[in-house]
Amino acid sequence: MPEILEIIMILCFGASWPFNVAKSYRARTARGKSLLFLILIEVGYIAGIAAKLANPAYMAAFGEKWYVLFFYVLNFAMVGTDVILYFRNRRLDKLAEA
């Protein structure tokens, strides 16, 4: 049961990030975005990935449960994309001010 709840949690987060990335891309501004928030989320995903890799029971069953780690990595990549867009949008903000 705990694994099912973890999968639900990671899928819900994963379903949210593409919308956030698309909004950042279309907005073309960093206003209202928090880099600290994004970095904290990235650190959280790194901790989750590390926890999976350090868990002997998970690693012993990795062949059957690889998909959980896959979604952690996918979510990490989506947040990373949003971080990149943050810097792009911040540059666009500075260009617009000039």
PDB file of N, CA and C in Angstrom:
ATOM      1  N   MET A   1       0.795  -1.206   0.000  1.00  0.00           N
ATOM      2  CA  MET A   1       0.000   0.000   0.000  1.00  0.00           C
ATOM      3  C   MET A   1       0.845   1.281   0.000  1.00  0.00           C
ATOM      4  N   PRO A   2       1.939   1.364   0.795  1.00  0.00           N
ATOM      5  CA  PRO A   2       2.752   2.586   0.761  1.00  0.00           C
ATOM      6  C   PRO A   2       3.297   2.882  -0.638  1.00  0.00           C
ATOM      7  N   GLU A   3       3.674   1.835  -1.382  1.00  0.00           N
ATOM      8  CA  GLU A   3       4.197   2.061  -2.733  1.00  0.00           C
ATOM      9  C   GLU A   3       3.127   2.633  -3.654  1.00  0.00           C
ATOM     10  N   ILE A   4       1.888   2.171  -3.517  1.00  0.00           N
ATOM     11  CA  ILE A   4       0.801   2.686  -4.343  1.00  0.00           C
ATOM     12  C   ILE A   4       0.559   4.164  -4.028  1.00  0.00           C
ATOM     13  N   LEU A   5       0.589   4.528  -2.754  1.00  0.00           N
ATOM     14  CA  LEU A   5       0.419   5.916  -2.378  1.00  0.00           C
ATOM     15  C   LEU A   5       1.560   6.781  -2.897  1.00  0.00           C
ATOM     16  N   GLU A   6       2.770   6.251  -2.853  1.00  0.00           N
ATOM     17  CA  GLU A   6       3.915   6.992  -3.386  1.00  0.00           C
ATOM     18  C   GLU A   6       3.768   7.194  -4.888  1.00  0.00           C
ATOM     19  N   ILE A   7       3.319   6.179  -5.582  1.00  0.00           N
ATOM     20  CA  ILE A   7       3.118   6.293  -7.029  1.00  0.00           C
ATOM     21  C   ILE A   7       2.042   7.341  -7.335  1.00  0.00           C
ATOM     22  N   ILE A   8       0.962   7.347  -6.570  1.00  0.00           N
ATOM     23  CA  ILE A   8      -0.088   8.353  -6.770  1.00  0.00           C
ATOM     24  C   ILE A   8       0.479   9.754  -6.562  1.00  0.00           C
ATOM     25  N   MET A   9       1.261   9.929  -5.504  1.00  0.00           N
ATOM     26  CA  MET A   9       1.863  11.224  -5.221  1.00  0.00           C
ATOM     27  C   MET A   9       2.756  11.672  -6.365  1.00  0.00           C
ATOM     28  N   ILE A  10       3.619  10.818  -6.822  1.00  0.00           N
ATOM     29  CA  ILE A  10       4.580  11.197  -7.862  1.00  0.00           C
ATOM     30  C   ILE A  10       3.874  11.421  -9.199  1.00  0.00           C
ATOM     31  N   LEU A  11       2.813  10.677  -9.471  1.00  0.00           N
ATOM     32  CA  LEU A  11       2.039  10.893 -10.699  1.00  0.00           C
ATOM     33  C   LEU A  11       1.286  12.222 -10.657  1.00  0.00           C
ATOM     34  N   CYS A  12       0.748  12.571  -9.505  1.00  0.00           N
ATOM     35  CA  CYS A  12       0.057  13.863  -9.384  1.00  0.00           C
ATOM     36  C   CYS A  12       1.033  15.021  -9.580  1.00  0.00           C
ATOM     37  N   PHE A  13       2.196  14.921  -8.958  1.00  0.00           N
ATOM     38  CA  PHE A  13       3.205  15.954  -9.174  1.00  0.00           C
ATOM     39  C   PHE A  13       3.614  15.978 -10.644  1.00  0.00           C
ATOM     40  N   GLY A  14       3.826  14.801 -11.194  1.00  0.00           N
ATOM     41  CA  GLY A  14       4.256  14.701 -12.590  1.00  0.00           C
ATOM     42  C   GLY A  14       3.242  15.253 -13.562  1.00  0.00           C
ATOM     43  N   ALA A  15       1.959  15.105 -13.258  1.00  0.00           N
ATOM     44  CA  ALA A  15       0.918  15.640 -14.132  1.00  0.00           C
ATOM     45  C   ALA A  15       0.866  17.165 -14.053  1.00  0.00           C
ATOM     46  N   SER A  16       1.306  17.739 -12.952  1.00  0.00           N
ATOM     47  CA  SER A  16       1.254  19.189 -12.767  1.00  0.00           C
ATOM     48  C   SER A  16       2.402  19.919 -13.460  1.00  0.00           C
ATOM     49  N   TRP A  17       3.576  19.328 -13.482  1.00  0.00           N
ATOM     50  CA  TRP A  17       4.741  20.045 -14.006  1.00  0.00           C
ATOM     51  C   TRP A  17       4.649  20.403 -15.481  1.00  0.00           C
ATOM     52  N   PRO A  18       4.128  19.563 -16.355  1.00  0.00           N
ATOM     53  CA  PRO A  18       4.041  19.992 -17.762  1.00  0.00           C
ATOM     54  C   PRO A  18       3.204  21.263 -17.937  1.00  0.00           C
ATOM     55  N   PHE A  19       2.121  21.409 -17.155  1.00  0.00           N
ATOM     56  CA  PHE A  19       1.315  22.625 -17.222  1.00  0.00           C
ATOM     57  C   PHE A  19       2.121  23.842 -16.769  1.00  0.00           C
ATOM     58  N   ASN A  20       2.904  23.654 -15.721  1.00  0.00           N
ATOM     59  CA  ASN A  20       3.729  24.738 -15.200  1.00  0.00           C
ATOM     60  C   ASN A  20       4.809  25.141 -16.206  1.00  0.00           C
ATOM     61  N   VAL A  21       5.435  24.156 -16.825  1.00  0.00           N
ATOM     62  CA  VAL A  21       6.471  24.441 -17.826  1.00  0.00           C
ATOM     63  C   VAL A  21       5.857  25.166 -19.023  1.00  0.00           C
ATOM     64  N   ALA A  22       4.708  24.712 -19.486  1.00  0.00           N
ATOM     65  CA  ALA A  22       4.042  25.359 -20.630  1.00  0.00           C
ATOM     66  C   ALA A  22       3.673  26.804 -20.289  1.00  0.00           C
ATOM     67  N   LYS A  23       3.210  27.037 -19.070  1.00  0.00           N
ATOM     68  CA  LYS A  23       2.860  28.389 -18.652  1.00  0.00           C
ATOM     69  C   LYS A  23       4.104  29.276 -18.619  1.00  0.00           C
ATOM     70  N   SER A  24       5.205  28.753 -18.110  1.00  0.00           N
ATOM     71  CA  SER A  24       6.459  29.521 -18.075  1.00  0.00           C
ATOM     72  C   SER A  24       6.925  29.854 -19.481  1.00  0.00           C
ATOM     73  N   TYR A  25       6.795  28.907 -20.381  1.00  0.00           N
ATOM     74  CA  TYR A  25       7.233  29.118 -21.765  1.00  0.00           C
ATOM     75  C   TYR A  25       6.396  30.210 -22.439  1.00  0.00           C
ATOM     76  N   ARG A  26       5.085  30.133 -22.255  1.00  0.00           N
ATOM     77  CA  ARG A  26       4.184  31.105 -22.897  1.00  0.00           C
ATOM     78  C   ARG A  26       4.262  32.483 -22.250  1.00  0.00           C
ATOM     79  N   ALA A  27       4.465  32.539 -20.939  1.00  0.00           N
ATOM     80  CA  ALA A  27       4.452  33.808 -20.213  1.00  0.00           C
ATOM     81  C   ALA A  27       5.614  34.712 -20.610  1.00  0.00           C
ATOM     82  N   ARG A  28       6.752  34.131 -20.886  1.00  0.00           N
ATOM     83  CA  ARG A  28       7.946  34.877 -21.285  1.00  0.00           C
ATOM     84  C   ARG A  28       8.344  35.928 -20.245  1.00  0.00           C
ATOM     85  N   THR A  29       8.062  35.641 -18.985  1.00  0.00           N
ATOM     86  CA  THR A  29       8.471  36.501 -17.887  1.00  0.00           C
ATOM     87  C   THR A  29       8.763  35.639 -16.665  1.00  0.00           C
ATOM     88  N   ALA A  30       9.703  36.108 -15.861  1.00  0.00           N
ATOM     89  CA  ALA A  30      10.040  35.401 -14.621  1.00  0.00           C
ATOM     90  C   ALA A  30       9.273  35.983 -13.438  1.00  0.00           C
ATOM     91  N   ARG A  31       8.491  37.025 -13.694  1.00  0.00           N
ATOM     92  CA  ARG A  31       7.714  37.630 -12.607  1.00  0.00           C
ATOM     93  C   ARG A  31       6.753  36.598 -12.020  1.00  0.00           C
ATOM     94  N   GLY A  32       6.735  36.541 -10.710  1.00  0.00           N
ATOM     95  CA  GLY A  32       5.859  35.600 -10.031  1.00  0.00           C
ATOM     96  C   GLY A  32       6.461  34.218  -9.840  1.00  0.00           C
ATOM     97  N   LYS A  33       7.646  33.993 -10.378  1.00  0.00           N
ATOM     98  CA  LYS A  33       8.334  32.706 -10.215  1.00  0.00           C
ATOM     99  C   LYS A  33       9.345  32.822  -9.092  1.00  0.00           C
ATOM    100  N   SER A  34       9.544  31.747  -8.374  1.00  0.00           N
ATOM    101  CA  SER A  34      10.530  31.713  -7.307  1.00  0.00           C
ATOM    102  C   SER A  34      11.599  30.683  -7.654  1.00  0.00           C
ATOM    103  N   LEU A  35      12.806  31.167  -7.896  1.00  0.00           N
ATOM    104  CA  LEU A  35      13.915  30.263  -8.174  1.00  0.00           C
ATOM    105  C   LEU A  35      14.203  29.387  -6.959  1.00  0.00           C
ATOM    106  N   LEU A  36      14.109  29.957  -5.772  1.00  0.00           N
ATOM    107  CA  LEU A  36      14.352  29.187  -4.553  1.00  0.00           C
ATOM    108  C   LEU A  36      13.368  28.021  -4.457  1.00  0.00           C
ATOM    109  N   PHE A  37      12.099  28.271  -4.764  1.00  0.00           N
ATOM    110  CA  PHE A  37      11.095  27.210  -4.746  1.00  0.00           C
ATOM    111  C   PHE A  37      11.479  26.091  -5.713  1.00  0.00           C
ATOM    112  N   LEU A  38      11.843  26.453  -6.925  1.00  0.00           N
ATOM    113  CA  LEU A  38      12.209  25.443  -7.930  1.00  0.00           C
ATOM    114  C   LEU A  38      13.425  24.636  -7.482  1.00  0.00           C
ATOM    115  N   ILE A  39      14.421  25.318  -6.914  1.00  0.00           N
ATOM    116  CA  ILE A  39      15.631  24.630  -6.450  1.00  0.00           C
ATOM    117  C   ILE A  39      15.288  23.681  -5.300  1.00  0.00           C
ATOM    118  N   LEU A  40      14.426  24.118  -4.390  1.00  0.00           N
ATOM    119  CA  LEU A  40      14.027  23.239  -3.281  1.00  0.00           C
ATOM    120  C   LEU A  40      13.297  22.001  -3.798  1.00  0.00           C
ATOM    121  N   ILE A  41      12.472  22.156  -4.812  1.00  0.00           N
ATOM    122  CA  ILE A  41      11.791  21.000  -5.402  1.00  0.00           C
ATOM    123  C   ILE A  41      12.819  20.064  -6.027  1.00  0.00           C
ATOM    124  N   GLU A  42      13.801  20.625  -6.739  1.00  0.00           N
ATOM    125  CA  GLU A  42      14.850  19.803  -7.348  1.00  0.00           C
ATOM    126  C   GLU A  42      15.615  19.021  -6.276  1.00  0.00           C
ATOM    127  N   VAL A  43      15.966  19.699  -5.182  1.00  0.00           N
ATOM    128  CA  VAL A  43      16.675  19.029  -4.088  1.00  0.00           C
ATOM    129  C   VAL A  43      15.810  17.906  -3.516  1.00  0.00           C
ATOM    130  N   GLY A  44      14.518  18.157  -3.400  1.00  0.00           N
ATOM    131  CA  GLY A  44      13.611  17.111  -2.924  1.00  0.00           C
ATOM    132  C   GLY A  44      13.587  15.900  -3.836  1.00  0.00           C
ATOM    133  N   TYR A  45      13.556  16.138  -5.146  1.00  0.00           N
ATOM    134  CA  TYR A  45      13.585  15.010  -6.081  1.00  0.00           C
ATOM    135  C   TYR A  45      14.925  14.272  -6.027  1.00  0.00           C
ATOM    136  N   ILE A  46      16.013  15.016  -5.871  1.00  0.00           N
ATOM    137  CA  ILE A  46      17.325  14.365  -5.723  1.00  0.00           C
ATOM    138  C   ILE A  46      17.322  13.473  -4.476  1.00  0.00           C
ATOM    139  N   ALA A  47      16.760  13.987  -3.382  1.00  0.00           N
ATOM    140  CA  ALA A  47      16.685  13.185  -2.153  1.00  0.00           C
ATOM    141  C   ALA A  47      15.823  11.946  -2.364  1.00  0.00           C
ATOM    142  N   GLY A  48      14.706  12.094  -3.075  1.00  0.00           N
ATOM    143  CA  GLY A  48      13.849  10.941  -3.356  1.00  0.00           C
ATOM    144  C   GLY A  48      14.545   9.894  -4.207  1.00  0.00           C
ATOM    145  N   ILE A  49      15.278  10.355  -5.223  1.00  0.00           N
ATOM    146  CA  ILE A  49      16.034   9.436  -6.081  1.00  0.00           C
ATOM    147  C   ILE A  49      17.114   8.736  -5.273  1.00  0.00           C
ATOM    148  N   ALA A  50      17.842   9.519  -4.463  1.00  0.00           N
ATOM    149  CA  ALA A  50      18.903   8.933  -3.632  1.00  0.00           C
ATOM    150  C   ALA A  50      18.330   7.925  -2.638  1.00  0.00           C
ATOM    151  N   ALA A  51      17.161   8.237  -2.084  1.00  0.00           N
ATOM    152  CA  ALA A  51      16.533   7.310  -1.135  1.00  0.00           C
ATOM    153  C   ALA A  51      16.202   5.988  -1.816  1.00  0.00           C
ATOM    154  N   LYS A  52      15.712   6.064  -3.036  1.00  0.00           N
ATOM    155  CA  LYS A  52      15.406   4.824  -3.768  1.00  0.00           C
ATOM    156  C   LYS A  52      16.681   4.031  -4.027  1.00  0.00           C
ATOM    157  N   LEU A  53      17.720   4.706  -4.487  1.00  0.00           N
ATOM    158  CA  LEU A  53      18.971   4.021  -4.815  1.00  0.00           C
ATOM    159  C   LEU A  53      19.661   3.458  -3.579  1.00  0.00           C
ATOM    160  N   ALA A  54      19.439   4.090  -2.422  1.00  0.00           N
ATOM    161  CA  ALA A  54      20.074   3.625  -1.181  1.00  0.00           C
ATOM    162  C   ALA A  54      19.249   2.572  -0.455  1.00  0.00           C
ATOM    163  N   ASN A  55      18.061   2.276  -0.937  1.00  0.00           N
ATOM    164  CA  ASN A  55      17.175   1.322  -0.288  1.00  0.00           C
ATOM    165  C   ASN A  55      17.438  -0.084  -0.844  1.00  0.00           C
ATOM    166  N   PRO A  56      18.054  -0.971  -0.051  1.00  0.00           N
ATOM    167  CA  PRO A  56      18.368  -2.303  -0.546  1.00  0.00           C
ATOM    168  C   PRO A  56      17.138  -3.095  -1.006  1.00  0.00           C
ATOM    169  N   ALA A  57      16.025  -2.928  -0.320  1.00  0.00           N
ATOM    170  CA  ALA A  57      14.813  -3.658  -0.707  1.00  0.00           C
ATOM    171  C   ALA A  57      14.322  -3.191  -2.075  1.00  0.00           C
ATOM    172  N   TYR A  58      14.374  -1.869  -2.306  1.00  0.00           N
ATOM    173  CA  TYR A  58      13.956  -1.350  -3.607  1.00  0.00           C
ATOM    174  C   TYR A  58      14.902  -1.830  -4.698  1.00  0.00           C
ATOM    175  N   MET A  59      16.183  -1.747  -4.437  1.00  0.00           N
ATOM    176  CA  MET A  59      17.166  -2.141  -5.458  1.00  0.00           C
ATOM    177  C   MET A  59      17.087  -3.638  -5.750  1.00  0.00           C
ATOM    178  N   ALA A  60      16.754  -4.437  -4.750  1.00  0.00           N
ATOM    179  CA  ALA A  60      16.619  -5.883  -4.968  1.00  0.00           C
ATOM    180  C   ALA A  60      15.450  -6.180  -5.899  1.00  0.00           C
ATOM    181  N   ALA A  61      14.430  -5.329  -5.861  1.00  0.00           N
ATOM    182  CA  ALA A  61      13.252  -5.527  -6.710  1.00  0.00           C
ATOM    183  C   ALA A  61      13.211  -4.523  -7.853  1.00  0.00           C
ATOM    184  N   PHE A  62      14.358  -3.955  -8.192  1.00  0.00           N
ATOM    185  CA  PHE A  62      14.411  -2.886  -9.203  1.00  0.00           C
ATOM    186  C   PHE A  62      13.796  -3.316 -10.529  1.00  0.00           C
ATOM    187  N   GLY A  63      14.018  -4.552 -10.924  1.00  0.00           N
ATOM    188  CA  GLY A  63      13.459  -5.050 -12.184  1.00  0.00           C
ATOM    189  C   GLY A  63      11.943  -4.966 -12.233  1.00  0.00           C
ATOM    190  N   GLU A  64      11.312  -5.048 -11.082  1.00  0.00           N
ATOM    191  CA  GLU A  64       9.852  -4.976 -11.005  1.00  0.00           C
ATOM    192  C   GLU A  64       9.345  -3.576 -10.685  1.00  0.00           C
ATOM    193  N   LYS A  65      10.202  -2.729 -10.113  1.00  0.00           N
ATOM    194  CA  LYS A  65       9.747  -1.423  -9.631  1.00  0.00           C
ATOM    195  C   LYS A  65      10.525  -0.259 -10.239  1.00  0.00           C
ATOM    196  N   TRP A  66      11.156  -0.442 -11.372  1.00  0.00           N
ATOM    197  CA  TRP A  66      11.958   0.599 -12.005  1.00  0.00           C
ATOM    198  C   TRP A  66      11.135   1.842 -12.326  1.00  0.00           C
ATOM    199  N   TYR A  67       9.848   1.667 -12.589  1.00  0.00           N
ATOM    200  CA  TYR A  67       8.992   2.770 -13.021  1.00  0.00           C
ATOM    201  C   TYR A  67       8.872   3.871 -11.966  1.00  0.00           C
ATOM    202  N   VAL A  68       8.984   3.518 -10.684  1.00  0.00           N
ATOM    203  CA  VAL A  68       8.897   4.537  -9.630  1.00  0.00           C
ATOM    204  C   VAL A  68      10.068   5.503  -9.775  1.00  0.00           C
ATOM    205  N   LEU A  69      11.257   4.969  -9.919  1.00  0.00           N
ATOM    206  CA  LEU A  69      12.440   5.810 -10.095  1.00  0.00           C
ATOM    207  C   LEU A  69      12.340   6.597 -11.392  1.00  0.00           C
ATOM    208  N   PHE A  70      11.801   5.991 -12.441  1.00  0.00           N
ATOM    209  CA  PHE A  70      11.624   6.675 -13.721  1.00  0.00           C
ATOM    210  C   PHE A  70      10.809   7.952 -13.545  1.00  0.00           C
ATOM    211  N   PHE A  71       9.721   7.897 -12.777  1.00  0.00           N
ATOM    212  CA  PHE A  71       8.888   9.080 -12.597  1.00  0.00           C
ATOM    213  C   PHE A  71       9.561  10.143 -11.736  1.00  0.00           C
ATOM    214  N   TYR A  72      10.383   9.732 -10.779  1.00  0.00           N
ATOM    215  CA  TYR A  72      11.167  10.713 -10.030  1.00  0.00           C
ATOM    216  C   TYR A  72      12.109  11.458 -10.978  1.00  0.00           C
ATOM    217  N   VAL A  73      12.792  10.718 -11.833  1.00  0.00           N
ATOM    218  CA  VAL A  73      13.737  11.323 -12.772  1.00  0.00           C
ATOM    219  C   VAL A  73      12.992  12.204 -13.781  1.00  0.00           C
ATOM    220  N   LEU A  74      11.852  11.746 -14.270  1.00  0.00           N
ATOM    221  CA  LEU A  74      11.066  12.532 -15.216  1.00  0.00           C
ATOM    222  C   LEU A  74      10.614  13.848 -14.577  1.00  0.00           C
ATOM    223  N   ASN A  75      10.122  13.798 -13.360  1.00  0.00           N
ATOM    224  CA  ASN A  75       9.703  15.017 -12.668  1.00  0.00           C
ATOM    225  C   ASN A  75      10.892  15.942 -12.432  1.00  0.00           C
ATOM    226  N   PHE A  76      12.026  15.378 -12.056  1.00  0.00           N
ATOM    227  CA  PHE A  76      13.243  16.163 -11.874  1.00  0.00           C
ATOM    228  C   PHE A  76      13.592  16.899 -13.169  1.00  0.00           C
ATOM    229  N   ALA A  77      13.491  16.217 -14.290  1.00  0.00           N
ATOM    230  CA  ALA A  77      13.800  16.824 -15.589  1.00  0.00           C
ATOM    231  C   ALA A  77      12.805  17.938 -15.928  1.00  0.00           C
ATOM    232  N   MET A  78      11.546  17.750 -15.605  1.00  0.00           N
ATOM    233  CA  MET A  78      10.551  18.791 -15.890  1.00  0.00           C
ATOM    234  C   MET A  78      10.796  20.039 -15.048  1.00  0.00           C
ATOM    235  N   VAL A  79      11.129  19.862 -13.787  1.00  0.00           N
ATOM    236  CA  VAL A  79      11.446  21.018 -12.947  1.00  0.00           C
ATOM    237  C   VAL A  79      12.726  21.678 -13.456  1.00  0.00           C
ATOM    238  N   GLY A  80      13.684  20.883 -13.883  1.00  0.00           N
ATOM    239  CA  GLY A  80      14.907  21.429 -14.469  1.00  0.00           C
ATOM    240  C   GLY A  80      14.609  22.272 -15.702  1.00  0.00           C
ATOM    241  N   THR A  81      13.670  21.828 -16.506  1.00  0.00           N
ATOM    242  CA  THR A  81      13.241  22.604 -17.667  1.00  0.00           C
ATOM    243  C   THR A  81      12.649  23.931 -17.230  1.00  0.00           C
ATOM    244  N   ASP A  82      11.873  23.906 -16.162  1.00  0.00           N
ATOM    245  CA  ASP A  82      11.293  25.149 -15.646  1.00  0.00           C
ATOM    246  C   ASP A  82      12.377  26.080 -15.113  1.00  0.00           C
ATOM    247  N   VAL A  83      13.429  25.526 -14.527  1.00  0.00           N
ATOM    248  CA  VAL A  83      14.558  26.352 -14.062  1.00  0.00           C
ATOM    249  C   VAL A  83      15.223  27.036 -15.257  1.00  0.00           C
ATOM    250  N   ILE A  84      15.438  26.287 -16.322  1.00  0.00           N
ATOM    251  CA  ILE A  84      16.036  26.862 -17.529  1.00  0.00           C
ATOM    252  C   ILE A  84      15.137  27.974 -18.080  1.00  0.00           C
ATOM    253  N   LEU A  85      13.836  27.727 -18.117  1.00  0.00           N
ATOM    254  CA  LEU A  85      12.902  28.750 -18.591  1.00  0.00           C
ATOM    255  C   LEU A  85      12.897  29.973 -17.676  1.00  0.00           C
ATOM    256  N   TYR A  86      13.099  29.771 -16.386  1.00  0.00           N
ATOM    257  CA  TYR A  86      13.196  30.895 -15.460  1.00  0.00           C
ATOM    258  C   TYR A  86      14.320  31.832 -15.887  1.00  0.00           C
ATOM    259  N   PHE A  87      15.489  31.276 -16.186  1.00  0.00           N
ATOM    260  CA  PHE A  87      16.617  32.109 -16.581  1.00  0.00           C
ATOM    261  C   PHE A  87      16.386  32.744 -17.955  1.00  0.00           C
ATOM    262  N   ARG A  88      15.764  32.018 -18.863  1.00  0.00           N
ATOM    263  CA  ARG A  88      15.418  32.603 -20.163  1.00  0.00           C
ATOM    264  C   ARG A  88      14.457  33.770 -19.953  1.00  0.00           C
ATOM    265  N   ASN A  89      13.438  33.557 -19.153  1.00  0.00           N
ATOM    266  CA  ASN A  89      12.438  34.591 -18.933  1.00  0.00           C
ATOM    267  C   ASN A  89      13.006  35.781 -18.174  1.00  0.00           C
ATOM    268  N   ARG A  90      13.926  35.533 -17.274  1.00  0.00           N
ATOM    269  CA  ARG A  90      14.572  36.643 -16.560  1.00  0.00           C
ATOM    270  C   ARG A  90      15.379  37.495 -17.538  1.00  0.00           C
ATOM    271  N   ARG A  91      16.058  36.829 -18.480  1.00  0.00           N
ATOM    272  CA  ARG A  91      16.797  37.564 -19.518  1.00  0.00           C
ATOM    273  C   ARG A  91      15.837  38.377 -20.376  1.00  0.00           C
ATOM    274  N   LEU A  92      14.692  37.792 -20.737  1.00  0.00           N
ATOM    275  CA  LEU A  92      13.686  38.515 -21.516  1.00  0.00           C
ATOM    276  C   LEU A  92      13.127  39.701 -20.742  1.00  0.00           C
ATOM    277  N   ASP A  93      12.963  39.560 -19.429  1.00  0.00           N
ATOM    278  CA  ASP A  93      12.507  40.669 -18.602  1.00  0.00           C
ATOM    279  C   ASP A  93      13.509  41.816 -18.639  1.00  0.00           C
ATOM    280  N   LYS A  94      14.785  41.481 -18.535  1.00  0.00           N
ATOM    281  CA  LYS A  94      15.825  42.525 -18.567  1.00  0.00           C
ATOM    282  C   LYS A  94      15.875  43.213 -19.919  1.00  0.00           C
ATOM    283  N   LEU A  95      15.687  42.456 -20.989  1.00  0.00           N
ATOM    284  CA  LEU A  95      15.663  43.051 -22.336  1.00  0.00           C
ATOM    285  C   LEU A  95      14.457  43.976 -22.491  1.00  0.00           C
ATOM    286  N   ALA A  96      13.330  43.589 -21.937  1.00  0.00           N
ATOM    287  CA  ALA A  96      12.119  44.402 -22.035  1.00  0.00           C
ATOM    288  C   ALA A  96      12.259  45.703 -21.236  1.00  0.00           C
ATOM    289  N   GLU A  97      12.988  45.651 -20.138  1.00  0.00           N
ATOM    290  CA  GLU A  97      13.206  46.851 -19.315  1.00  0.00           C
ATOM    291  C   GLU A  97      14.159  47.816 -19.990  1.00  0.00           C
ATOM    292  N   ALA A  98      15.071  47.312 -20.793  1.00  0.00           N
ATOM    293  CA  ALA A  98      16.091  48.163 -21.426  1.00  0.00           C
ATOM    294  C   ALA A  98      15.554  48.955 -22.601  1.00  0.00           C
TER     295      ALA A  98
END
